[in-house]
Amino acid sequence: MLSALKINEKQKPMYLNKYLVKSLTLTGSSLLSLDILSSIVLPQQIQYLDVSDIHRLSPNELENLLAHTFRVLSLSMKFDPLFVIPSQIQYLLLKGQG
């Protein structure tokens, strides 16, 4: 099991085996599709999620991502006044304005 994995939106590898990770950092101009992300990692195993370096991330996209990564306890993101923090989040780090 990998303890952490950083995926850039420009990297769209196709893996035969999925990585088991607890910590995931996503970067790039936009969020990877859930299909691509799910082909790389098992979303339900992620506990620490950092999406603060994604340039265009809507509250709906983040809500959908969190619905598929339901074990996330720690979230790092850009401040967005429209985003409602899910009750599963125990630790929230806000970075500047989105």
PDB file of N, CA and C in Angstrom:
ATOM      1  N   MET A   1       0.841  -1.174   0.000  1.00  0.00           N
ATOM      2  CA  MET A   1       0.000   0.000   0.000  1.00  0.00           C
ATOM      3  C   MET A   1       0.884   1.234   0.000  1.00  0.00           C
ATOM      4  N   LEU A   2       0.636   2.155  -0.912  1.00  0.00           N
ATOM      5  CA  LEU A   2       1.314   3.440  -0.915  1.00  0.00           C
ATOM      6  C   LEU A   2       0.713   4.306   0.173  1.00  0.00           C
ATOM      7  N   SER A   3       1.532   5.117   0.812  1.00  0.00           N
ATOM      8  CA  SER A   3       0.979   6.001   1.836  1.00  0.00           C
ATOM      9  C   SER A   3       0.466   7.295   1.214  1.00  0.00           C
ATOM     10  N   ALA A   4       1.046   7.712   0.075  1.00  0.00           N
ATOM     11  CA  ALA A   4       0.608   8.950  -0.559  1.00  0.00           C
ATOM     12  C   ALA A   4       0.845   8.866  -2.061  1.00  0.00           C
ATOM     13  N   LEU A   5       0.036   9.583  -2.804  1.00  0.00           N
ATOM     14  CA  LEU A   5       0.171   9.620  -4.251  1.00  0.00           C
ATOM     15  C   LEU A   5      -0.240  10.997  -4.720  1.00  0.00           C
ATOM     16  N   LYS A   6       0.559  11.570  -5.604  1.00  0.00           N
ATOM     17  CA  LYS A   6       0.242  12.878  -6.175  1.00  0.00           C
ATOM     18  C   LYS A   6      -0.020  12.680  -7.656  1.00  0.00           C
ATOM     19  N   ILE A   7      -1.186  13.127  -8.112  1.00  0.00           N
ATOM     20  CA  ILE A   7      -1.563  12.952  -9.513  1.00  0.00           C
ATOM     21  C   ILE A   7      -1.829  14.319 -10.118  1.00  0.00           C
ATOM     22  N   ASN A   8      -1.163  14.597 -11.222  1.00  0.00           N
ATOM     23  CA  ASN A   8      -1.387  15.824 -11.961  1.00  0.00           C
ATOM     24  C   ASN A   8      -2.400  15.531 -13.046  1.00  0.00           C
ATOM     25  N   GLU A   9      -3.269  16.486 -13.294  1.00  0.00           N
ATOM     26  CA  GLU A   9      -4.337  16.342 -14.290  1.00  0.00           C
ATOM     27  C   GLU A   9      -3.786  16.024 -15.672  1.00  0.00           C
ATOM     28  N   LYS A  10      -2.545  16.427 -15.957  1.00  0.00           N
ATOM     29  CA  LYS A  10      -1.957  16.158 -17.272  1.00  0.00           C
ATOM     30  C   LYS A  10      -1.514  14.708 -17.411  1.00  0.00           C
ATOM     31  N   GLN A  11      -1.292  14.034 -16.279  1.00  0.00           N
ATOM     32  CA  GLN A  11      -0.910  12.633 -16.305  1.00  0.00           C
ATOM     33  C   GLN A  11      -2.186  11.804 -16.312  1.00  0.00           C
ATOM     34  N   LYS A  12      -2.418  11.092 -17.364  1.00  0.00           N
ATOM     35  CA  LYS A  12      -3.607  10.250 -17.430  1.00  0.00           C
ATOM     36  C   LYS A  12      -3.196   8.820 -17.761  1.00  0.00           C
ATOM     37  N   PRO A  13      -2.451   8.213 -16.836  1.00  0.00           N
ATOM     38  CA  PRO A  13      -1.975   6.853 -17.106  1.00  0.00           C
ATOM     39  C   PRO A  13      -3.100   5.839 -16.979  1.00  0.00           C
ATOM     40  N   MET A  14      -2.932   4.734 -17.641  1.00  0.00           N
ATOM     41  CA  MET A  14      -3.888   3.633 -17.536  1.00  0.00           C
ATOM     42  C   MET A  14      -3.166   2.480 -16.857  1.00  0.00           C
ATOM     43  N   TYR A  15      -3.538   2.179 -15.642  1.00  0.00           N
ATOM     44  CA  TYR A  15      -2.919   1.116 -14.867  1.00  0.00           C
ATOM     45  C   TYR A  15      -3.817  -0.116 -14.872  1.00  0.00           C
ATOM     46  N   LEU A  16      -3.192  -1.262 -14.854  1.00  0.00           N
ATOM     47  CA  LEU A  16      -3.952  -2.491 -14.739  1.00  0.00           C
ATOM     48  C   LEU A  16      -4.343  -2.743 -13.286  1.00  0.00           C
ATOM     49  N   ASN A  17      -3.456  -2.406 -12.369  1.00  0.00           N
ATOM     50  CA  ASN A  17      -3.724  -2.574 -10.947  1.00  0.00           C
ATOM     51  C   ASN A  17      -3.993  -1.208 -10.332  1.00  0.00           C
ATOM     52  N   LYS A  18      -4.881  -1.178  -9.362  1.00  0.00           N
ATOM     53  CA  LYS A  18      -5.188   0.079  -8.687  1.00  0.00           C
ATOM     54  C   LYS A  18      -4.306   0.216  -7.459  1.00  0.00           C
ATOM     55  N   TYR A  19      -3.908   1.458  -7.180  1.00  0.00           N
ATOM     56  CA  TYR A  19      -3.106   1.733  -6.006  1.00  0.00           C
ATOM     57  C   TYR A  19      -4.003   1.912  -4.793  1.00  0.00           C
ATOM     58  N   LEU A  20      -3.569   1.368  -3.665  1.00  0.00           N
ATOM     59  CA  LEU A  20      -4.237   1.591  -2.390  1.00  0.00           C
ATOM     60  C   LEU A  20      -3.490   2.734  -1.705  1.00  0.00           C
ATOM     61  N   VAL A  21      -4.119   3.880  -1.574  1.00  0.00           N
ATOM     62  CA  VAL A  21      -3.479   5.042  -0.961  1.00  0.00           C
ATOM     63  C   VAL A  21      -4.375   5.605   0.132  1.00  0.00           C
ATOM     64  N   LYS A  22      -3.738   6.185   1.135  1.00  0.00           N
ATOM     65  CA  LYS A  22      -4.468   6.880   2.180  1.00  0.00           C
ATOM     66  C   LYS A  22      -4.485   8.379   1.928  1.00  0.00           C
ATOM     67  N   SER A  23      -3.449   8.882   1.267  1.00  0.00           N
ATOM     68  CA  SER A  23      -3.307  10.312   1.039  1.00  0.00           C
ATOM     69  C   SER A  23      -3.201  10.578  -0.463  1.00  0.00           C
ATOM     70  N   LEU A  24      -4.013  11.501  -0.952  1.00  0.00           N
ATOM     71  CA  LEU A  24      -4.026  11.800  -2.382  1.00  0.00           C
ATOM     72  C   LEU A  24      -4.002  13.303  -2.591  1.00  0.00           C
ATOM     73  N   THR A  25      -3.054  13.767  -3.414  1.00  0.00           N
ATOM     74  CA  THR A  25      -2.965  15.167  -3.803  1.00  0.00           C
ATOM     75  C   THR A  25      -3.236  15.255  -5.294  1.00  0.00           C
ATOM     76  N   LEU A  26      -4.225  16.050  -5.653  1.00  0.00           N
ATOM     77  CA  LEU A  26      -4.570  16.248  -7.068  1.00  0.00           C
ATOM     78  C   LEU A  26      -4.182  17.661  -7.466  1.00  0.00           C
ATOM     79  N   THR A  27      -3.553  17.815  -8.626  1.00  0.00           N
ATOM     80  CA  THR A  27      -3.146  19.124  -9.125  1.00  0.00           C
ATOM     81  C   THR A  27      -3.548  19.264 -10.585  1.00  0.00           C
ATOM     82  N   GLY A  28      -3.544  20.487 -11.070  1.00  0.00           N
ATOM     83  CA  GLY A  28      -3.815  20.731 -12.481  1.00  0.00           C
ATOM     84  C   GLY A  28      -4.862  21.800 -12.673  1.00  0.00           C
ATOM     85  N   SER A  29      -5.237  21.986 -13.917  1.00  0.00           N
ATOM     86  CA  SER A  29      -6.210  23.031 -14.238  1.00  0.00           C
ATOM     87  C   SER A  29      -7.637  22.611 -13.904  1.00  0.00           C
ATOM     88  N   SER A  30      -7.894  21.311 -13.944  1.00  0.00           N
ATOM     89  CA  SER A  30      -9.240  20.827 -13.627  1.00  0.00           C
ATOM     90  C   SER A  30      -9.138  19.439 -12.984  1.00  0.00           C
ATOM     91  N   LEU A  31     -10.231  18.994 -12.421  1.00  0.00           N
ATOM     92  CA  LEU A  31     -10.280  17.706 -11.739  1.00  0.00           C
ATOM     93  C   LEU A  31     -10.300  16.566 -12.755  1.00  0.00           C
ATOM     94  N   LEU A  32      -9.539  15.510 -12.465  1.00  0.00           N
ATOM     95  CA  LEU A  32      -9.625  14.305 -13.285  1.00  0.00           C
ATOM     96  C   LEU A  32     -11.035  13.748 -13.205  1.00  0.00           C
ATOM     97  N   SER A  33     -11.474  13.090 -14.247  1.00  0.00           N
ATOM     98  CA  SER A  33     -12.781  12.447 -14.181  1.00  0.00           C
ATOM     99  C   SER A  33     -12.710  11.327 -13.150  1.00  0.00           C
ATOM    100  N   LEU A  34     -13.840  11.030 -12.540  1.00  0.00           N
ATOM    101  CA  LEU A  34     -13.882   9.949 -11.555  1.00  0.00           C
ATOM    102  C   LEU A  34     -13.545   8.609 -12.177  1.00  0.00           C
ATOM    103  N   ASP A  35     -13.875   8.429 -13.445  1.00  0.00           N
ATOM    104  CA  ASP A  35     -13.534   7.175 -14.131  1.00  0.00           C
ATOM    105  C   ASP A  35     -12.022   6.993 -14.208  1.00  0.00           C
ATOM    106  N   ILE A  36     -11.313   8.048 -14.569  1.00  0.00           N
ATOM    107  CA  ILE A  36      -9.851   7.972 -14.665  1.00  0.00           C
ATOM    108  C   ILE A  36      -9.248   7.788 -13.277  1.00  0.00           C
ATOM    109  N   LEU A  37      -9.712   8.594 -12.319  1.00  0.00           N
ATOM    110  CA  LEU A  37      -9.195   8.486 -10.962  1.00  0.00           C
ATOM    111  C   LEU A  37      -9.425   7.086 -10.396  1.00  0.00           C
ATOM    112  N   SER A  38     -10.608   6.541 -10.629  1.00  0.00           N
ATOM    113  CA  SER A  38     -10.942   5.207 -10.125  1.00  0.00           C
ATOM    114  C   SER A  38     -10.156   4.105 -10.822  1.00  0.00           C
ATOM    115  N   SER A  39      -9.627   4.381 -12.008  1.00  0.00           N
ATOM    116  CA  SER A  39      -8.804   3.384 -12.694  1.00  0.00           C
ATOM    117  C   SER A  39      -7.381   3.359 -12.131  1.00  0.00           C
ATOM    118  N   ILE A  40      -7.015   4.397 -11.347  1.00  0.00           N
ATOM    119  CA  ILE A  40      -5.662   4.498 -10.789  1.00  0.00           C
ATOM    120  C   ILE A  40      -5.645   4.100  -9.315  1.00  0.00           C
ATOM    121  N   VAL A  41      -6.608   4.597  -8.554  1.00  0.00           N
ATOM    122  CA  VAL A  41      -6.656   4.346  -7.108  1.00  0.00           C
ATOM    123  C   VAL A  41      -8.036   3.822  -6.713  1.00  0.00           C
ATOM    124  N   LEU A  42      -8.117   3.304  -5.507  1.00  0.00           N
ATOM    125  CA  LEU A  42      -9.406   2.926  -4.932  1.00  0.00           C
ATOM    126  C   LEU A  42      -9.899   4.122  -4.107  1.00  0.00           C
ATOM    127  N   PRO A  43     -10.845   4.890  -4.628  1.00  0.00           N
ATOM    128  CA  PRO A  43     -11.275   6.114  -3.949  1.00  0.00           C
ATOM    129  C   PRO A  43     -11.764   5.886  -2.521  1.00  0.00           C
ATOM    130  N   GLN A  44     -12.368   4.739  -2.254  1.00  0.00           N
ATOM    131  CA  GLN A  44     -12.923   4.487  -0.924  1.00  0.00           C
ATOM    132  C   GLN A  44     -11.845   4.276   0.138  1.00  0.00           C
ATOM    133  N   GLN A  45     -10.565   4.181  -0.249  1.00  0.00           N
ATOM    134  CA  GLN A  45      -9.482   4.008   0.715  1.00  0.00           C
ATOM    135  C   GLN A  45      -8.818   5.334   1.110  1.00  0.00           C
ATOM    136  N   ILE A  46      -9.123   6.411   0.410  1.00  0.00           N
ATOM    137  CA  ILE A  46      -8.466   7.698   0.638  1.00  0.00           C
ATOM    138  C   ILE A  46      -9.004   8.341   1.915  1.00  0.00           C
ATOM    139  N   GLN A  47      -8.067   8.768   2.789  1.00  0.00           N
ATOM    140  CA  GLN A  47      -8.433   9.425   4.034  1.00  0.00           C
ATOM    141  C   GLN A  47      -8.007  10.887   4.075  1.00  0.00           C
ATOM    142  N   TYR A  48      -6.952  11.233   3.333  1.00  0.00           N
ATOM    143  CA  TYR A  48      -6.421  12.594   3.300  1.00  0.00           C
ATOM    144  C   TYR A  48      -6.425  13.066   1.854  1.00  0.00           C
ATOM    145  N   LEU A  49      -7.176  14.130   1.575  1.00  0.00           N
ATOM    146  CA  LEU A  49      -7.347  14.598   0.201  1.00  0.00           C
ATOM    147  C   LEU A  49      -6.942  16.064   0.096  1.00  0.00           C
ATOM    148  N   ASP A  50      -6.062  16.363  -0.862  1.00  0.00           N
ATOM    149  CA  ASP A  50      -5.624  17.735  -1.110  1.00  0.00           C
ATOM    150  C   ASP A  50      -5.991  18.105  -2.546  1.00  0.00           C
ATOM    151  N   VAL A  51      -6.916  19.036  -2.683  1.00  0.00           N
ATOM    152  CA  VAL A  51      -7.326  19.535  -4.005  1.00  0.00           C
ATOM    153  C   VAL A  51      -7.054  21.033  -4.118  1.00  0.00           C
ATOM    154  N   SER A  52      -6.180  21.546  -3.255  1.00  0.00           N
ATOM    155  CA  SER A  52      -5.936  22.988  -3.205  1.00  0.00           C
ATOM    156  C   SER A  52      -5.205  23.528  -4.434  1.00  0.00           C
ATOM    157  N   ASP A  53      -4.552  22.661  -5.213  1.00  0.00           N
ATOM    158  CA  ASP A  53      -3.829  23.108  -6.410  1.00  0.00           C
ATOM    159  C   ASP A  53      -4.587  22.854  -7.703  1.00  0.00           C
ATOM    160  N   ILE A  54      -5.879  22.571  -7.609  1.00  0.00           N
ATOM    161  CA  ILE A  54      -6.708  22.458  -8.815  1.00  0.00           C
ATOM    162  C   ILE A  54      -7.274  23.845  -9.090  1.00  0.00           C
ATOM    163  N   HIS A  55      -7.011  24.364 -10.270  1.00  0.00           N
ATOM    164  CA  HIS A  55      -7.351  25.754 -10.590  1.00  0.00           C
ATOM    165  C   HIS A  55      -8.850  25.979 -10.752  1.00  0.00           C
ATOM    166  N   ARG A  56      -9.544  25.088 -11.411  1.00  0.00           N
ATOM    167  CA  ARG A  56     -10.996  25.235 -11.612  1.00  0.00           C
ATOM    168  C   ARG A  56     -11.695  24.027 -11.005  1.00  0.00           C
ATOM    169  N   LEU A  57     -12.253  24.238  -9.826  1.00  0.00           N
ATOM    170  CA  LEU A  57     -12.948  23.160  -9.127  1.00  0.00           C
ATOM    171  C   LEU A  57     -14.241  23.728  -8.562  1.00  0.00           C
ATOM    172  N   SER A  58     -15.348  23.258  -9.092  1.00  0.00           N
ATOM    173  CA  SER A  58     -16.649  23.753  -8.632  1.00  0.00           C
ATOM    174  C   SER A  58     -17.065  23.010  -7.360  1.00  0.00           C
ATOM    175  N   PRO A  59     -17.918  23.629  -6.548  1.00  0.00           N
ATOM    176  CA  PRO A  59     -18.429  22.929  -5.362  1.00  0.00           C
ATOM    177  C   PRO A  59     -19.108  21.604  -5.720  1.00  0.00           C
ATOM    178  N   ASN A  60     -19.810  21.558  -6.841  1.00  0.00           N
ATOM    179  CA  ASN A  60     -20.476  20.307  -7.256  1.00  0.00           C
ATOM    180  C   ASN A  60     -19.468  19.202  -7.563  1.00  0.00           C
ATOM    181  N   GLU A  61     -18.372  19.563  -8.243  1.00  0.00           N
ATOM    182  CA  GLU A  61     -17.334  18.567  -8.543  1.00  0.00           C
ATOM    183  C   GLU A  61     -16.716  18.027  -7.253  1.00  0.00           C
ATOM    184  N   LEU A  62     -16.459  18.937  -6.308  1.00  0.00           N
ATOM    185  CA  LEU A  62     -15.860  18.513  -5.046  1.00  0.00           C
ATOM    186  C   LEU A  62     -16.825  17.652  -4.242  1.00  0.00           C
ATOM    187  N   GLU A  63     -18.088  18.020  -4.212  1.00  0.00           N
ATOM    188  CA  GLU A  63     -19.098  17.216  -3.518  1.00  0.00           C
ATOM    189  C   GLU A  63     -19.184  15.812  -4.127  1.00  0.00           C
ATOM    190  N   ASN A  64     -19.146  15.735  -5.441  1.00  0.00           N
ATOM    191  CA  ASN A  64     -19.192  14.434  -6.128  1.00  0.00           C
ATOM    192  C   ASN A  64     -17.949  13.605  -5.801  1.00  0.00           C
ATOM    193  N   LEU A  65     -16.793  14.249  -5.803  1.00  0.00           N
ATOM    194  CA  LEU A  65     -15.551  13.544  -5.461  1.00  0.00           C
ATOM    195  C   LEU A  65     -15.617  13.013  -4.026  1.00  0.00           C
ATOM    196  N   LEU A  66     -16.083  13.832  -3.094  1.00  0.00           N
ATOM    197  CA  LEU A  66     -16.169  13.411  -1.700  1.00  0.00           C
ATOM    198  C   LEU A  66     -17.208  12.308  -1.498  1.00  0.00           C
ATOM    199  N   ALA A  67     -18.222  12.286  -2.325  1.00  0.00           N
ATOM    200  CA  ALA A  67     -19.215  11.207  -2.244  1.00  0.00           C
ATOM    201  C   ALA A  67     -18.585   9.861  -2.604  1.00  0.00           C
ATOM    202  N   HIS A  68     -17.565   9.892  -3.465  1.00  0.00           N
ATOM    203  CA  HIS A  68     -16.887   8.652  -3.873  1.00  0.00           C
ATOM    204  C   HIS A  68     -15.661   8.342  -3.007  1.00  0.00           C
ATOM    205  N   THR A  69     -15.219   9.315  -2.229  1.00  0.00           N
ATOM    206  CA  THR A  69     -14.097   9.114  -1.308  1.00  0.00           C
ATOM    207  C   THR A  69     -14.636   9.314   0.111  1.00  0.00           C
ATOM    208  N   PHE A  70     -15.573   8.485   0.479  1.00  0.00           N
ATOM    209  CA  PHE A  70     -16.348   8.686   1.705  1.00  0.00           C
ATOM    210  C   PHE A  70     -15.555   8.476   2.990  1.00  0.00           C
ATOM    211  N   ARG A  71     -14.312   7.998   2.897  1.00  0.00           N
ATOM    212  CA  ARG A  71     -13.478   7.844   4.102  1.00  0.00           C
ATOM    213  C   ARG A  71     -12.573   9.045   4.343  1.00  0.00           C
ATOM    214  N   VAL A  72     -12.675  10.061   3.505  1.00  0.00           N
ATOM    215  CA  VAL A  72     -11.831  11.249   3.681  1.00  0.00           C
ATOM    216  C   VAL A  72     -12.184  11.924   5.002  1.00  0.00           C
ATOM    217  N   LEU A  73     -11.159  12.098   5.823  1.00  0.00           N
ATOM    218  CA  LEU A  73     -11.308  12.783   7.108  1.00  0.00           C
ATOM    219  C   LEU A  73     -10.643  14.151   7.090  1.00  0.00           C
ATOM    220  N   SER A  74      -9.621  14.294   6.251  1.00  0.00           N
ATOM    221  CA  SER A  74      -8.844  15.522   6.173  1.00  0.00           C
ATOM    222  C   SER A  74      -8.902  16.055   4.743  1.00  0.00           C
ATOM    223  N   LEU A  75      -9.282  17.333   4.612  1.00  0.00           N
ATOM    224  CA  LEU A  75      -9.446  17.946   3.292  1.00  0.00           C
ATOM    225  C   LEU A  75      -8.687  19.263   3.247  1.00  0.00           C
ATOM    226  N   SER A  76      -7.877  19.432   2.210  1.00  0.00           N
ATOM    227  CA  SER A  76      -7.176  20.679   1.953  1.00  0.00           C
ATOM    228  C   SER A  76      -7.697  21.223   0.628  1.00  0.00           C
ATOM    229  N   MET A  77      -8.199  22.471   0.652  1.00  0.00           N
ATOM    230  CA  MET A  77      -8.824  23.045  -0.543  1.00  0.00           C
ATOM    231  C   MET A  77      -8.715  24.555  -0.521  1.00  0.00           C
ATOM    232  N   LYS A  78      -8.982  25.176  -1.671  1.00  0.00           N
ATOM    233  CA  LYS A  78      -9.094  26.628  -1.726  1.00  0.00           C
ATOM    234  C   LYS A  78     -10.419  27.031  -1.096  1.00  0.00           C
ATOM    235  N   PHE A  79     -10.416  28.188  -0.447  1.00  0.00           N
ATOM    236  CA  PHE A  79     -11.636  28.675   0.184  1.00  0.00           C
ATOM    237  C   PHE A  79     -12.717  28.902  -0.865  1.00  0.00           C
ATOM    238  N   ASP A  80     -13.904  28.400  -0.603  1.00  0.00           N
ATOM    239  CA  ASP A  80     -15.057  28.603  -1.470  1.00  0.00           C
ATOM    240  C   ASP A  80     -16.282  28.769  -0.569  1.00  0.00           C
ATOM    241  N   PRO A  81     -16.840  29.993  -0.504  1.00  0.00           N
ATOM    242  CA  PRO A  81     -17.967  30.232   0.399  1.00  0.00           C
ATOM    243  C   PRO A  81     -19.221  29.437   0.032  1.00  0.00           C
ATOM    244  N   LEU A  82     -19.285  28.895  -1.190  1.00  0.00           N
ATOM    245  CA  LEU A  82     -20.457  28.139  -1.619  1.00  0.00           C
ATOM    246  C   LEU A  82     -20.389  26.658  -1.241  1.00  0.00           C
ATOM    247  N   PHE A  83     -19.211  26.215  -0.817  1.00  0.00           N
ATOM    248  CA  PHE A  83     -19.033  24.797  -0.505  1.00  0.00           C
ATOM    249  C   PHE A  83     -19.506  24.508   0.915  1.00  0.00           C
ATOM    250  N   VAL A  84     -20.358  23.504   1.041  1.00  0.00           N
ATOM    251  CA  VAL A  84     -20.842  23.063   2.349  1.00  0.00           C
ATOM    252  C   VAL A  84     -19.969  21.890   2.788  1.00  0.00           C
ATOM    253  N   ILE A  85     -19.336  22.034   3.935  1.00  0.00           N
ATOM    254  CA  ILE A  85     -18.401  21.021   4.414  1.00  0.00           C
ATOM    255  C   ILE A  85     -19.168  19.796   4.908  1.00  0.00           C
ATOM    256  N   PRO A  86     -18.873  18.622   4.346  1.00  0.00           N
ATOM    257  CA  PRO A  86     -19.556  17.398   4.784  1.00  0.00           C
ATOM    258  C   PRO A  86     -19.194  17.046   6.227  1.00  0.00           C
ATOM    259  N   SER A  87     -20.085  16.377   6.900  1.00  0.00           N
ATOM    260  CA  SER A  87     -19.876  16.032   8.308  1.00  0.00           C
ATOM    261  C   SER A  87     -18.722  15.050   8.508  1.00  0.00           C
ATOM    262  N   GLN A  88     -18.336  14.304   7.465  1.00  0.00           N
ATOM    263  CA  GLN A  88     -17.244  13.340   7.593  1.00  0.00           C
ATOM    264  C   GLN A  88     -15.894  14.026   7.793  1.00  0.00           C
ATOM    265  N   ILE A  89     -15.770  15.296   7.383  1.00  0.00           N
ATOM    266  CA  ILE A  89     -14.491  16.009   7.440  1.00  0.00           C
ATOM    267  C   ILE A  89     -14.196  16.408   8.882  1.00  0.00           C
ATOM    268  N   GLN A  90     -13.073  15.909   9.414  1.00  0.00           N
ATOM    269  CA  GLN A  90     -12.664  16.244  10.776  1.00  0.00           C
ATOM    270  C   GLN A  90     -11.613  17.329  10.796  1.00  0.00           C
ATOM    271  N   TYR A  91     -10.858  17.465   9.698  1.00  0.00           N
ATOM    272  CA  TYR A  91      -9.783  18.456   9.608  1.00  0.00           C
ATOM    273  C   TYR A  91      -9.900  19.130   8.252  1.00  0.00           C
ATOM    274  N   LEU A  92      -9.964  20.470   8.259  1.00  0.00           N
ATOM    275  CA  LEU A  92     -10.110  21.236   7.027  1.00  0.00           C
ATOM    276  C   LEU A  92      -9.039  22.309   6.972  1.00  0.00           C
ATOM    277  N   LEU A  93      -8.280  22.341   5.890  1.00  0.00           N
ATOM    278  CA  LEU A  93      -7.274  23.376   5.675  1.00  0.00           C
ATOM    279  C   LEU A  93      -7.712  24.179   4.444  1.00  0.00           C
ATOM    280  N   LEU A  94      -7.944  25.485   4.636  1.00  0.00           N
ATOM    281  CA  LEU A  94      -8.347  26.358   3.540  1.00  0.00           C
ATOM    282  C   LEU A  94      -7.170  27.180   3.097  1.00  0.00           C
ATOM    283  N   LYS A  95      -6.947  27.255   1.782  1.00  0.00           N
ATOM    284  CA  LYS A  95      -5.822  27.986   1.197  1.00  0.00           C
ATOM    285  C   LYS A  95      -6.337  29.064   0.265  1.00  0.00           C
ATOM    286  N   GLY A  96      -6.293  30.322   0.666  1.00  0.00           N
ATOM    287  CA  GLY A  96      -6.653  31.435  -0.205  1.00  0.00           C
ATOM    288  C   GLY A  96      -8.024  31.288  -0.828  1.00  0.00           C
ATOM    289  N   GLN A  97      -8.312  32.129  -1.802  1.00  0.00           N
ATOM    290  CA  GLN A  97      -9.607  32.105  -2.478  1.00  0.00           C
ATOM    291  C   GLN A  97      -9.521  31.287  -3.752  1.00  0.00           C
ATOM    292  N   GLY A  98     -10.582  30.557  -4.045  1.00  0.00           N
ATOM    293  CA  GLY A  98     -10.657  29.729  -5.241  1.00  0.00           C
ATOM    294  C   GLY A  98     -11.073  30.496  -6.453  1.00  0.00           C
TER     295      GLY A  98
END
